[in-house]
Amino acid sequence: MCSWSGGKDSCYALHLAKDQGMIPTVLLNVLNEYGDRSRSHGIPKDILMAQAAAMNLPIHFFESTWNDYERLYIENLVSLAETYEIDTSVFGDIDIVSHRAWEEKVSKAAHLDPILPLWQQSRKKLVLDMIDYNIEAIIVSCNHQLGKEFLGRPINHKLIDDLEDMGVDACGENGEYHTLVINAPFFNNRINVKILDKEATSNYNFLKLELS
């Protein structure tokens, strides 16, 4: 099982897990309580489904508030482990210890072995490796330090330079920004999306997207 956010880190983690000989069987994504977009990145459900289709993989969704997140995650992970007869869970976190501890906790509850292929690698080197591997991704949400003008920008060398000039982590591991992968070497086709609008909440900015 790959924890699939739709963004660059989960995509690259899946690639590295495959390189280690693991066979991806199912993707898992958590939607908001309305079931229309992902809980973390704000990506519409149909775009996530298009990504899964481009990889010829099933994707499993469940809806949750933040309060019910852990309980429902474990319940769904247990169900997936039984349905797909999987033994491993893959996550895209890099170096935040509390995130790893949570992933180990929920995986243990479902009798799965958690694997973090990106763990403790250089953040900047990782995002440069993703670019070199030809993962195409755009920023779909970001904090107010970056602002709306960063929404929709592709992950490339110019972006990395601009982020570092602002003192922002190149990989966005601290939540400065989140991405949507629109193409990767193991996708059968490019994901075409249309930007409808740029929305702002009290502490974050989001792209309003539709599948085109």
N, C-alpha and C. Protein backbone atom coordinates (compact mmCIF):
# COMPACT_ATOMS: atom_id res chain seq x y z
N MET A 1 0.84 -1.18 0.00
CA MET A 1 0.00 0.00 0.00
C MET A 1 0.88 1.23 0.00
N CYS A 2 0.54 2.18 -0.86
CA CYS A 2 1.26 3.45 -0.85
C CYS A 2 0.31 4.55 -0.38
N SER A 3 0.73 5.26 0.65
CA SER A 3 -0.01 6.43 1.10
C SER A 3 0.14 7.50 0.03
N TRP A 4 -0.94 7.82 -0.67
CA TRP A 4 -0.87 8.62 -1.89
C TRP A 4 -1.53 9.98 -1.67
N SER A 5 -0.72 11.03 -1.60
CA SER A 5 -1.25 12.38 -1.45
C SER A 5 -1.59 13.00 -2.80
N GLY A 6 -1.00 12.44 -3.88
CA GLY A 6 -1.12 13.05 -5.19
C GLY A 6 0.06 13.95 -5.51
N GLY A 7 0.95 14.16 -4.51
CA GLY A 7 2.07 15.06 -4.66
C GLY A 7 3.39 14.37 -4.94
N LYS A 8 4.43 15.18 -5.05
CA LYS A 8 5.74 14.71 -5.50
C LYS A 8 6.39 13.71 -4.54
N ASP A 9 6.25 13.91 -3.23
CA ASP A 9 6.96 13.04 -2.28
C ASP A 9 6.40 11.62 -2.30
N SER A 10 5.08 11.48 -2.29
CA SER A 10 4.50 10.14 -2.33
C SER A 10 4.80 9.48 -3.68
N CYS A 11 4.85 10.27 -4.74
CA CYS A 11 5.16 9.74 -6.07
C CYS A 11 6.59 9.21 -6.11
N TYR A 12 7.53 9.98 -5.59
CA TYR A 12 8.92 9.55 -5.63
C TYR A 12 9.16 8.39 -4.67
N ALA A 13 8.46 8.37 -3.54
CA ALA A 13 8.57 7.24 -2.60
C ALA A 13 8.10 5.96 -3.28
N LEU A 14 7.01 6.04 -4.04
CA LEU A 14 6.50 4.88 -4.76
C LEU A 14 7.53 4.39 -5.78
N HIS A 15 8.15 5.33 -6.50
CA HIS A 15 9.19 4.97 -7.46
C HIS A 15 10.35 4.25 -6.79
N LEU A 16 10.84 4.78 -5.67
CA LEU A 16 11.98 4.16 -4.98
C LEU A 16 11.61 2.81 -4.39
N ALA A 17 10.37 2.67 -3.91
CA ALA A 17 9.92 1.38 -3.38
C ALA A 17 9.90 0.34 -4.50
N LYS A 18 9.44 0.74 -5.67
CA LYS A 18 9.45 -0.18 -6.82
C LYS A 18 10.88 -0.56 -7.18
N ASP A 19 11.79 0.41 -7.10
CA ASP A 19 13.20 0.15 -7.38
C ASP A 19 13.79 -0.87 -6.41
N GLN A 20 13.23 -0.93 -5.21
CA GLN A 20 13.70 -1.88 -4.20
C GLN A 20 13.04 -3.26 -4.37
N GLY A 21 12.23 -3.41 -5.40
CA GLY A 21 11.61 -4.69 -5.69
C GLY A 21 10.22 -4.88 -5.14
N MET A 22 9.66 -3.85 -4.53
CA MET A 22 8.30 -3.96 -4.01
C MET A 22 7.30 -3.81 -5.14
N ILE A 23 6.16 -4.46 -5.00
CA ILE A 23 5.12 -4.43 -6.03
C ILE A 23 3.94 -3.62 -5.51
N PRO A 24 3.69 -2.44 -6.08
CA PRO A 24 2.55 -1.63 -5.61
C PRO A 24 1.23 -2.33 -5.92
N THR A 25 0.34 -2.31 -4.95
CA THR A 25 -0.93 -3.03 -5.08
C THR A 25 -2.13 -2.12 -4.99
N VAL A 26 -2.05 -1.12 -4.09
CA VAL A 26 -3.18 -0.21 -3.90
C VAL A 26 -2.66 1.11 -3.34
N LEU A 27 -3.35 2.20 -3.72
CA LEU A 27 -3.06 3.52 -3.17
C LEU A 27 -4.12 3.87 -2.13
N LEU A 28 -3.74 4.69 -1.16
CA LEU A 28 -4.69 5.11 -0.12
C LEU A 28 -4.66 6.63 0.00
N ASN A 29 -5.84 7.23 -0.07
CA ASN A 29 -5.94 8.68 0.09
C ASN A 29 -7.10 9.02 1.02
N VAL A 30 -6.88 10.02 1.87
CA VAL A 30 -7.92 10.46 2.80
C VAL A 30 -8.55 11.75 2.27
N LEU A 31 -9.86 11.73 2.12
CA LEU A 31 -10.61 12.89 1.64
C LEU A 31 -11.14 13.71 2.83
N ASN A 32 -11.53 14.94 2.55
CA ASN A 32 -12.18 15.72 3.60
C ASN A 32 -13.55 15.14 3.93
N GLU A 33 -14.21 15.70 4.92
CA GLU A 33 -15.48 15.13 5.37
C GLU A 33 -16.59 15.24 4.33
N TYR A 34 -16.39 16.06 3.29
CA TYR A 34 -17.38 16.20 2.23
C TYR A 34 -17.13 15.23 1.09
N GLY A 35 -15.94 14.61 1.07
CA GLY A 35 -15.63 13.59 0.08
C GLY A 35 -15.31 14.11 -1.31
N ASP A 36 -15.03 15.41 -1.42
CA ASP A 36 -14.80 15.95 -2.76
C ASP A 36 -13.33 16.23 -3.08
N ARG A 37 -12.48 16.34 -2.05
CA ARG A 37 -11.07 16.61 -2.29
C ARG A 37 -10.22 16.05 -1.15
N SER A 38 -8.93 15.93 -1.39
CA SER A 38 -8.05 15.29 -0.40
C SER A 38 -7.94 16.16 0.85
N ARG A 39 -7.81 15.48 1.97
CA ARG A 39 -7.74 16.13 3.27
C ARG A 39 -6.51 17.04 3.39
N SER A 40 -5.37 16.60 2.85
CA SER A 40 -4.12 17.32 3.06
C SER A 40 -3.82 18.36 1.99
N HIS A 41 -3.96 17.97 0.71
CA HIS A 41 -3.51 18.84 -0.38
C HIS A 41 -4.63 19.61 -1.07
N GLY A 42 -5.89 19.22 -0.80
CA GLY A 42 -7.02 19.89 -1.44
C GLY A 42 -7.18 19.53 -2.91
N ILE A 43 -6.73 18.33 -3.29
CA ILE A 43 -6.81 17.89 -4.69
C ILE A 43 -8.16 17.21 -4.94
N PRO A 44 -8.89 17.60 -5.99
CA PRO A 44 -10.18 16.97 -6.29
C PRO A 44 -10.06 15.46 -6.47
N LYS A 45 -11.09 14.76 -6.03
CA LYS A 45 -11.08 13.30 -6.06
C LYS A 45 -10.90 12.75 -7.46
N ASP A 46 -11.54 13.37 -8.48
CA ASP A 46 -11.44 12.81 -9.82
C ASP A 46 -10.03 12.93 -10.39
N ILE A 47 -9.27 13.93 -9.95
CA ILE A 47 -7.88 14.05 -10.40
C ILE A 47 -7.03 12.96 -9.77
N LEU A 48 -7.27 12.66 -8.50
CA LEU A 48 -6.56 11.56 -7.84
C LEU A 48 -6.89 10.22 -8.52
N MET A 49 -8.14 10.05 -8.91
CA MET A 49 -8.53 8.83 -9.62
C MET A 49 -7.84 8.74 -10.98
N ALA A 50 -7.67 9.89 -11.64
CA ALA A 50 -6.98 9.91 -12.94
C ALA A 50 -5.51 9.52 -12.76
N GLN A 51 -4.88 9.96 -11.68
CA GLN A 51 -3.51 9.55 -11.40
C GLN A 51 -3.41 8.03 -11.22
N ALA A 52 -4.32 7.48 -10.43
CA ALA A 52 -4.31 6.04 -10.19
C ALA A 52 -4.51 5.27 -11.50
N ALA A 53 -5.43 5.75 -12.33
CA ALA A 53 -5.68 5.10 -13.61
C ALA A 53 -4.44 5.14 -14.49
N ALA A 54 -3.68 6.24 -14.42
CA ALA A 54 -2.46 6.37 -15.22
C ALA A 54 -1.38 5.39 -14.77
N MET A 55 -1.53 4.87 -13.54
CA MET A 55 -0.58 3.87 -13.02
C MET A 55 -1.15 2.46 -13.03
N ASN A 56 -2.39 2.32 -13.50
CA ASN A 56 -3.07 1.02 -13.50
C ASN A 56 -3.17 0.44 -12.09
N LEU A 57 -3.46 1.32 -11.13
CA LEU A 57 -3.58 0.89 -9.74
C LEU A 57 -4.93 1.31 -9.18
N PRO A 58 -5.52 0.48 -8.31
CA PRO A 58 -6.72 0.91 -7.61
C PRO A 58 -6.36 1.94 -6.55
N ILE A 59 -7.26 2.87 -6.29
CA ILE A 59 -7.06 3.83 -5.21
C ILE A 59 -8.25 3.75 -4.26
N HIS A 60 -7.94 3.65 -2.98
CA HIS A 60 -8.98 3.53 -1.95
C HIS A 60 -9.10 4.87 -1.23
N PHE A 61 -10.33 5.34 -1.09
CA PHE A 61 -10.61 6.60 -0.40
C PHE A 61 -11.42 6.35 0.85
N PHE A 62 -11.24 7.21 1.83
CA PHE A 62 -12.22 7.32 2.90
C PHE A 62 -12.29 8.78 3.33
N GLU A 63 -13.44 9.17 3.85
CA GLU A 63 -13.68 10.55 4.25
C GLU A 63 -13.46 10.69 5.75
N SER A 64 -12.88 11.83 6.16
CA SER A 64 -12.61 11.99 7.59
C SER A 64 -12.43 13.46 7.96
N THR A 65 -12.80 13.78 9.18
CA THR A 65 -12.37 15.03 9.80
C THR A 65 -11.00 14.78 10.41
N TRP A 66 -10.33 15.85 10.83
CA TRP A 66 -9.03 15.64 11.50
C TRP A 66 -9.21 14.89 12.81
N ASN A 67 -10.34 15.09 13.50
CA ASN A 67 -10.55 14.43 14.79
C ASN A 67 -10.66 12.92 14.67
N ASP A 68 -11.25 12.44 13.57
CA ASP A 68 -11.46 11.00 13.40
C ASP A 68 -10.36 10.34 12.56
N TYR A 69 -9.38 11.11 12.16
CA TYR A 69 -8.40 10.69 11.16
C TYR A 69 -7.68 9.39 11.55
N GLU A 70 -7.11 9.35 12.73
CA GLU A 70 -6.31 8.17 13.11
C GLU A 70 -7.17 6.92 13.22
N ARG A 71 -8.31 7.02 13.87
CA ARG A 71 -9.18 5.85 14.04
C ARG A 71 -9.61 5.29 12.69
N LEU A 72 -10.06 6.17 11.81
CA LEU A 72 -10.53 5.71 10.50
C LEU A 72 -9.37 5.22 9.63
N TYR A 73 -8.20 5.83 9.79
CA TYR A 73 -7.04 5.39 9.01
C TYR A 73 -6.69 3.94 9.35
N ILE A 74 -6.67 3.64 10.64
CA ILE A 74 -6.36 2.27 11.07
C ILE A 74 -7.42 1.30 10.57
N GLU A 75 -8.68 1.68 10.70
CA GLU A 75 -9.77 0.79 10.24
C GLU A 75 -9.63 0.49 8.75
N ASN A 76 -9.35 1.50 7.97
CA ASN A 76 -9.22 1.31 6.52
C ASN A 76 -7.95 0.56 6.16
N LEU A 77 -6.88 0.78 6.91
CA LEU A 77 -5.63 0.08 6.66
C LEU A 77 -5.80 -1.42 6.95
N VAL A 78 -6.49 -1.74 8.02
CA VAL A 78 -6.76 -3.14 8.36
C VAL A 78 -7.57 -3.80 7.24
N SER A 79 -8.58 -3.10 6.76
CA SER A 79 -9.41 -3.63 5.68
C SER A 79 -8.60 -3.84 4.40
N LEU A 80 -7.74 -2.87 4.06
CA LEU A 80 -6.92 -3.00 2.86
C LEU A 80 -5.94 -4.16 2.97
N ALA A 81 -5.36 -4.32 4.15
CA ALA A 81 -4.40 -5.42 4.35
C ALA A 81 -5.06 -6.76 4.10
N GLU A 82 -6.31 -6.89 4.52
CA GLU A 82 -7.02 -8.15 4.33
C GLU A 82 -7.47 -8.31 2.88
N THR A 83 -8.01 -7.26 2.30
CA THR A 83 -8.56 -7.33 0.94
C THR A 83 -7.49 -7.61 -0.10
N TYR A 84 -6.35 -6.91 0.03
CA TYR A 84 -5.31 -6.99 -1.00
C TYR A 84 -4.13 -7.88 -0.61
N GLU A 85 -4.20 -8.45 0.60
CA GLU A 85 -3.14 -9.35 1.09
C GLU A 85 -1.77 -8.69 0.98
N ILE A 86 -1.68 -7.45 1.46
CA ILE A 86 -0.42 -6.72 1.43
C ILE A 86 0.31 -6.86 2.76
N ASP A 87 1.62 -6.64 2.73
CA ASP A 87 2.40 -6.75 3.96
C ASP A 87 3.23 -5.51 4.27
N THR A 88 3.16 -4.50 3.38
CA THR A 88 4.00 -3.32 3.52
C THR A 88 3.21 -2.05 3.25
N SER A 89 3.55 -1.00 3.98
CA SER A 89 2.95 0.32 3.75
C SER A 89 4.08 1.29 3.44
N VAL A 90 3.91 2.08 2.39
CA VAL A 90 4.94 3.01 1.93
C VAL A 90 4.47 4.45 2.16
N PHE A 91 5.35 5.24 2.77
CA PHE A 91 5.04 6.65 3.06
C PHE A 91 6.14 7.56 2.52
N GLY A 92 5.80 8.81 2.25
CA GLY A 92 6.73 9.73 1.62
C GLY A 92 7.36 10.76 2.53
N ASP A 93 7.31 10.55 3.85
CA ASP A 93 7.93 11.51 4.76
C ASP A 93 9.45 11.42 4.71
N ILE A 94 10.09 12.55 5.06
CA ILE A 94 11.54 12.65 4.90
C ILE A 94 12.28 12.64 6.23
N ASP A 95 11.88 13.52 7.16
CA ASP A 95 12.68 13.58 8.40
C ASP A 95 11.93 14.09 9.62
N ILE A 96 10.61 14.20 9.55
CA ILE A 96 9.86 14.66 10.72
C ILE A 96 9.52 13.43 11.58
N VAL A 97 10.16 13.34 12.73
CA VAL A 97 10.12 12.14 13.56
C VAL A 97 8.70 11.81 14.01
N SER A 98 7.91 12.83 14.36
CA SER A 98 6.54 12.58 14.83
C SER A 98 5.69 11.95 13.73
N HIS A 99 5.93 12.34 12.47
CA HIS A 99 5.19 11.75 11.35
C HIS A 99 5.54 10.26 11.22
N ARG A 100 6.84 9.96 11.30
CA ARG A 100 7.26 8.56 11.18
C ARG A 100 6.66 7.72 12.32
N ALA A 101 6.67 8.27 13.53
CA ALA A 101 6.12 7.53 14.68
C ALA A 101 4.65 7.21 14.46
N TRP A 102 3.89 8.17 13.90
CA TRP A 102 2.47 7.94 13.64
C TRP A 102 2.30 6.86 12.58
N GLU A 103 3.09 6.92 11.52
CA GLU A 103 2.98 5.94 10.44
C GLU A 103 3.34 4.54 10.92
N GLU A 104 4.32 4.45 11.79
CA GLU A 104 4.67 3.15 12.37
C GLU A 104 3.54 2.63 13.26
N LYS A 105 2.91 3.54 13.98
CA LYS A 105 1.81 3.17 14.88
C LYS A 105 0.63 2.59 14.11
N VAL A 106 0.18 3.31 13.08
CA VAL A 106 -1.00 2.84 12.34
C VAL A 106 -0.67 1.59 11.52
N SER A 107 0.55 1.50 11.03
CA SER A 107 0.94 0.31 10.26
C SER A 107 0.98 -0.92 11.15
N LYS A 108 1.55 -0.75 12.34
CA LYS A 108 1.61 -1.88 13.30
C LYS A 108 0.21 -2.36 13.64
N ALA A 109 -0.72 -1.42 13.76
CA ALA A 109 -2.10 -1.80 14.09
C ALA A 109 -2.73 -2.66 13.00
N ALA A 110 -2.23 -2.51 11.76
CA ALA A 110 -2.75 -3.30 10.64
C ALA A 110 -1.79 -4.43 10.25
N HIS A 111 -0.78 -4.67 11.10
CA HIS A 111 0.22 -5.73 10.87
C HIS A 111 0.96 -5.53 9.56
N LEU A 112 1.30 -4.27 9.27
CA LEU A 112 2.05 -3.93 8.07
C LEU A 112 3.44 -3.41 8.45
N ASP A 113 4.38 -3.63 7.56
CA ASP A 113 5.74 -3.14 7.76
C ASP A 113 5.87 -1.78 7.08
N PRO A 114 6.06 -0.69 7.84
CA PRO A 114 6.15 0.63 7.23
C PRO A 114 7.52 0.88 6.60
N ILE A 115 7.51 1.38 5.38
CA ILE A 115 8.74 1.69 4.65
C ILE A 115 8.69 3.17 4.26
N LEU A 116 9.78 3.89 4.55
CA LEU A 116 9.88 5.30 4.19
C LEU A 116 11.11 5.48 3.31
N PRO A 117 10.98 5.34 1.99
CA PRO A 117 12.14 5.34 1.09
C PRO A 117 12.91 6.66 1.06
N LEU A 118 12.26 7.77 1.45
CA LEU A 118 12.92 9.08 1.41
C LEU A 118 13.59 9.45 2.73
N TRP A 119 13.48 8.58 3.72
CA TRP A 119 13.82 8.95 5.09
C TRP A 119 15.27 9.42 5.24
N GLN A 120 15.41 10.59 5.85
CA GLN A 120 16.68 11.21 6.22
C GLN A 120 17.62 11.49 5.04
N GLN A 121 17.05 11.60 3.87
CA GLN A 121 17.84 12.09 2.74
C GLN A 121 17.80 13.61 2.73
N SER A 122 18.75 14.23 2.06
CA SER A 122 18.79 15.68 1.95
C SER A 122 17.53 16.18 1.25
N ARG A 123 16.86 17.13 1.88
CA ARG A 123 15.61 17.65 1.30
C ARG A 123 15.85 18.25 -0.09
N LYS A 124 16.87 19.09 -0.20
CA LYS A 124 17.12 19.73 -1.49
C LYS A 124 17.52 18.70 -2.54
N LYS A 125 18.39 17.76 -2.16
CA LYS A 125 18.81 16.73 -3.13
C LYS A 125 17.61 15.92 -3.60
N LEU A 126 16.69 15.63 -2.69
CA LEU A 126 15.51 14.85 -3.06
C LEU A 126 14.68 15.55 -4.12
N VAL A 127 14.42 16.85 -3.92
CA VAL A 127 13.58 17.54 -4.90
C VAL A 127 14.32 17.69 -6.22
N LEU A 128 15.64 17.85 -6.18
CA LEU A 128 16.42 17.89 -7.43
C LEU A 128 16.41 16.53 -8.12
N ASP A 129 16.47 15.46 -7.32
CA ASP A 129 16.38 14.10 -7.89
C ASP A 129 15.03 13.87 -8.54
N MET A 130 13.98 14.39 -7.94
CA MET A 130 12.64 14.26 -8.51
C MET A 130 12.56 14.97 -9.86
N ILE A 131 13.16 16.15 -9.94
CA ILE A 131 13.18 16.90 -11.19
C ILE A 131 13.96 16.11 -12.25
N ASP A 132 15.13 15.59 -11.84
CA ASP A 132 15.96 14.82 -12.77
C ASP A 132 15.27 13.55 -13.24
N TYR A 133 14.44 12.97 -12.37
CA TYR A 133 13.71 11.75 -12.71
C TYR A 133 12.52 12.06 -13.64
N ASN A 134 12.28 13.33 -13.87
CA ASN A 134 11.19 13.79 -14.75
C ASN A 134 9.80 13.64 -14.15
N ILE A 135 9.73 13.82 -12.83
CA ILE A 135 8.42 14.00 -12.21
C ILE A 135 7.98 15.44 -12.49
N GLU A 136 6.83 15.58 -13.11
CA GLU A 136 6.27 16.91 -13.39
C GLU A 136 5.19 17.20 -12.35
N ALA A 137 5.38 18.27 -11.61
CA ALA A 137 4.43 18.61 -10.56
C ALA A 137 4.26 20.13 -10.49
N ILE A 138 3.10 20.54 -10.00
CA ILE A 138 2.81 21.96 -9.82
C ILE A 138 2.38 22.19 -8.37
N ILE A 139 2.59 23.42 -7.90
CA ILE A 139 2.14 23.79 -6.55
C ILE A 139 0.62 23.97 -6.57
N VAL A 140 -0.07 23.25 -5.68
CA VAL A 140 -1.53 23.36 -5.62
C VAL A 140 -2.01 24.03 -4.32
N SER A 141 -1.12 24.15 -3.34
CA SER A 141 -1.46 24.88 -2.12
C SER A 141 -0.17 25.37 -1.49
N CYS A 142 -0.25 26.49 -0.78
CA CYS A 142 0.94 27.05 -0.15
C CYS A 142 0.54 28.01 0.96
N ASN A 143 1.49 28.32 1.82
CA ASN A 143 1.20 29.23 2.92
C ASN A 143 1.26 30.69 2.45
N HIS A 144 0.96 31.59 3.36
CA HIS A 144 0.90 33.00 2.97
C HIS A 144 2.28 33.63 2.82
N GLN A 145 3.31 32.99 3.36
CA GLN A 145 4.66 33.49 3.11
C GLN A 145 4.98 33.43 1.62
N LEU A 146 4.54 32.36 0.97
CA LEU A 146 4.73 32.24 -0.47
C LEU A 146 3.69 33.06 -1.23
N GLY A 147 2.43 32.92 -0.84
CA GLY A 147 1.38 33.72 -1.46
C GLY A 147 0.80 33.09 -2.71
N LYS A 148 -0.32 33.66 -3.17
CA LYS A 148 -1.07 33.10 -4.30
C LYS A 148 -0.25 33.01 -5.58
N GLU A 149 0.75 33.90 -5.72
CA GLU A 149 1.51 33.91 -6.97
C GLU A 149 2.32 32.63 -7.18
N PHE A 150 2.54 31.87 -6.12
CA PHE A 150 3.27 30.61 -6.26
C PHE A 150 2.35 29.47 -6.70
N LEU A 151 1.04 29.63 -6.56
CA LEU A 151 0.11 28.58 -6.97
C LEU A 151 0.21 28.34 -8.47
N GLY A 152 0.28 27.07 -8.85
CA GLY A 152 0.36 26.71 -10.27
C GLY A 152 1.78 26.66 -10.81
N ARG A 153 2.76 27.12 -10.02
CA ARG A 153 4.13 27.10 -10.53
C ARG A 153 4.67 25.67 -10.60
N PRO A 154 5.41 25.33 -11.66
CA PRO A 154 5.98 23.99 -11.76
C PRO A 154 7.17 23.82 -10.83
N ILE A 155 7.41 22.59 -10.42
CA ILE A 155 8.58 22.27 -9.61
C ILE A 155 9.77 22.15 -10.55
N ASN A 156 10.62 23.15 -10.54
CA ASN A 156 11.79 23.16 -11.41
C ASN A 156 12.93 23.90 -10.72
N HIS A 157 14.05 24.01 -11.40
CA HIS A 157 15.23 24.62 -10.77
C HIS A 157 14.99 26.09 -10.43
N LYS A 158 14.26 26.81 -11.26
CA LYS A 158 13.97 28.22 -10.97
C LYS A 158 13.16 28.35 -9.68
N LEU A 159 12.18 27.48 -9.49
CA LEU A 159 11.39 27.51 -8.27
C LEU A 159 12.27 27.27 -7.06
N ILE A 160 13.14 26.26 -7.12
CA ILE A 160 14.00 25.94 -5.99
C ILE A 160 14.87 27.14 -5.62
N ASP A 161 15.41 27.82 -6.62
CA ASP A 161 16.23 29.01 -6.37
C ASP A 161 15.40 30.10 -5.69
N ASP A 162 14.17 30.30 -6.17
CA ASP A 162 13.30 31.34 -5.59
C ASP A 162 12.94 31.01 -4.15
N LEU A 163 12.66 29.74 -3.87
CA LEU A 163 12.32 29.33 -2.51
C LEU A 163 13.49 29.57 -1.56
N GLU A 164 14.67 29.18 -2.00
CA GLU A 164 15.84 29.34 -1.13
C GLU A 164 16.18 30.81 -0.91
N ASP A 165 15.94 31.64 -1.91
CA ASP A 165 16.16 33.08 -1.74
C ASP A 165 15.24 33.66 -0.67
N MET A 166 14.06 33.01 -0.49
CA MET A 166 13.10 33.47 0.52
C MET A 166 13.31 32.79 1.86
N GLY A 167 14.28 31.88 1.94
CA GLY A 167 14.51 31.14 3.17
C GLY A 167 13.50 30.04 3.41
N VAL A 168 12.89 29.55 2.33
CA VAL A 168 11.87 28.50 2.41
C VAL A 168 12.49 27.16 2.02
N ASP A 169 12.15 26.11 2.76
CA ASP A 169 12.67 24.77 2.47
C ASP A 169 12.35 24.37 1.04
N ALA A 170 13.36 23.92 0.31
CA ALA A 170 13.20 23.60 -1.11
C ALA A 170 12.15 22.53 -1.35
N CYS A 171 12.04 21.57 -0.42
CA CYS A 171 11.12 20.44 -0.61
C CYS A 171 9.73 20.70 -0.02
N GLY A 172 9.61 21.77 0.76
CA GLY A 172 8.31 22.05 1.38
C GLY A 172 7.92 21.05 2.45
N GLU A 173 8.91 20.39 3.05
CA GLU A 173 8.64 19.33 4.02
C GLU A 173 7.94 19.86 5.27
N ASN A 174 8.10 21.14 5.56
CA ASN A 174 7.48 21.72 6.75
C ASN A 174 6.06 22.21 6.49
N GLY A 175 5.52 21.90 5.30
CA GLY A 175 4.16 22.29 4.97
C GLY A 175 4.05 23.64 4.28
N GLU A 176 5.21 24.17 3.81
CA GLU A 176 5.17 25.47 3.13
C GLU A 176 4.36 25.42 1.85
N TYR A 177 4.42 24.28 1.17
CA TYR A 177 3.62 24.12 -0.05
C TYR A 177 3.36 22.64 -0.30
N HIS A 178 2.32 22.37 -1.11
CA HIS A 178 2.00 21.00 -1.50
C HIS A 178 1.84 20.97 -3.02
N THR A 179 2.01 19.79 -3.59
CA THR A 179 2.06 19.68 -5.05
C THR A 179 1.07 18.65 -5.59
N LEU A 180 0.88 18.74 -6.90
CA LEU A 180 0.13 17.75 -7.66
C LEU A 180 1.03 17.25 -8.78
N VAL A 181 1.21 15.93 -8.85
CA VAL A 181 1.99 15.33 -9.94
C VAL A 181 1.09 15.18 -11.16
N ILE A 182 1.50 15.77 -12.28
CA ILE A 182 0.71 15.66 -13.50
C ILE A 182 1.33 14.69 -14.50
N ASN A 183 2.58 14.29 -14.26
CA ASN A 183 3.19 13.27 -15.10
C ASN A 183 4.42 12.70 -14.39
N ALA A 184 4.72 11.45 -14.70
CA ALA A 184 5.89 10.76 -14.14
C ALA A 184 6.26 9.64 -15.11
N PRO A 185 7.50 9.17 -15.06
CA PRO A 185 7.92 8.12 -16.00
C PRO A 185 7.07 6.85 -15.95
N PHE A 186 6.44 6.56 -14.79
CA PHE A 186 5.63 5.35 -14.72
C PHE A 186 4.13 5.64 -14.89
N PHE A 187 3.78 6.84 -15.31
CA PHE A 187 2.40 7.14 -15.70
C PHE A 187 2.21 6.71 -17.16
N ASN A 188 1.06 6.17 -17.48
CA ASN A 188 0.75 5.82 -18.86
C ASN A 188 0.36 7.05 -19.68
N ASN A 189 -0.06 8.10 -19.01
CA ASN A 189 -0.48 9.32 -19.70
C ASN A 189 -0.36 10.51 -18.76
N ARG A 190 -0.28 11.67 -19.35
CA ARG A 190 -0.22 12.92 -18.60
C ARG A 190 -1.60 13.25 -18.04
N ILE A 191 -1.65 13.85 -16.85
CA ILE A 191 -2.90 14.28 -16.26
C ILE A 191 -3.12 15.75 -16.63
N ASN A 192 -4.14 16.02 -17.40
CA ASN A 192 -4.42 17.38 -17.84
C ASN A 192 -5.42 18.03 -16.89
N VAL A 193 -4.99 19.15 -16.31
CA VAL A 193 -5.87 19.86 -15.37
C VAL A 193 -6.01 21.31 -15.81
N LYS A 194 -7.14 21.90 -15.43
CA LYS A 194 -7.42 23.30 -15.74
C LYS A 194 -7.51 24.07 -14.43
N ILE A 195 -6.81 25.20 -14.35
CA ILE A 195 -6.87 26.07 -13.18
C ILE A 195 -8.08 26.99 -13.30
N LEU A 196 -9.00 26.87 -12.35
CA LEU A 196 -10.21 27.67 -12.37
C LEU A 196 -10.08 28.95 -11.55
N ASP A 197 -9.37 28.85 -10.43
CA ASP A 197 -9.31 30.00 -9.53
C ASP A 197 -8.22 29.77 -8.49
N LYS A 198 -7.89 30.80 -7.74
CA LYS A 198 -6.98 30.72 -6.61
C LYS A 198 -7.73 31.19 -5.38
N GLU A 199 -7.82 30.31 -4.37
CA GLU A 199 -8.62 30.60 -3.19
C GLU A 199 -7.71 30.77 -1.98
N ALA A 200 -8.14 31.58 -1.02
CA ALA A 200 -7.36 31.80 0.20
C ALA A 200 -8.22 31.55 1.43
N THR A 201 -7.63 30.88 2.42
CA THR A 201 -8.25 30.76 3.73
C THR A 201 -7.43 31.63 4.69
N SER A 202 -7.71 31.53 5.97
CA SER A 202 -7.01 32.37 6.94
C SER A 202 -5.52 32.09 7.00
N ASN A 203 -5.12 30.84 6.67
CA ASN A 203 -3.70 30.52 6.79
C ASN A 203 -3.10 29.79 5.59
N TYR A 204 -3.87 29.65 4.50
CA TYR A 204 -3.34 28.88 3.37
C TYR A 204 -3.99 29.32 2.07
N ASN A 205 -3.32 29.01 0.95
CA ASN A 205 -3.83 29.31 -0.38
C ASN A 205 -4.01 28.01 -1.16
N PHE A 206 -5.06 27.91 -1.96
CA PHE A 206 -5.35 26.70 -2.71
C PHE A 206 -5.68 27.03 -4.17
N LEU A 207 -5.25 26.15 -5.08
CA LEU A 207 -5.73 26.21 -6.46
C LEU A 207 -7.06 25.51 -6.56
N LYS A 208 -7.98 26.09 -7.28
CA LYS A 208 -9.23 25.41 -7.63
C LYS A 208 -9.01 24.79 -9.00
N LEU A 209 -9.06 23.47 -9.06
CA LEU A 209 -8.71 22.73 -10.27
C LEU A 209 -9.87 21.88 -10.77
N GLU A 210 -9.85 21.58 -12.05
CA GLU A 210 -10.73 20.56 -12.59
C GLU A 210 -9.97 19.73 -13.61
N LEU A 211 -10.38 18.49 -13.76
CA LEU A 211 -9.78 17.59 -14.74
C LEU A 211 -10.25 18.00 -16.13
N SER A 212 -9.31 18.12 -17.05
CA SER A 212 -9.68 18.52 -18.42
C SER A 212 -9.24 17.49 -19.42
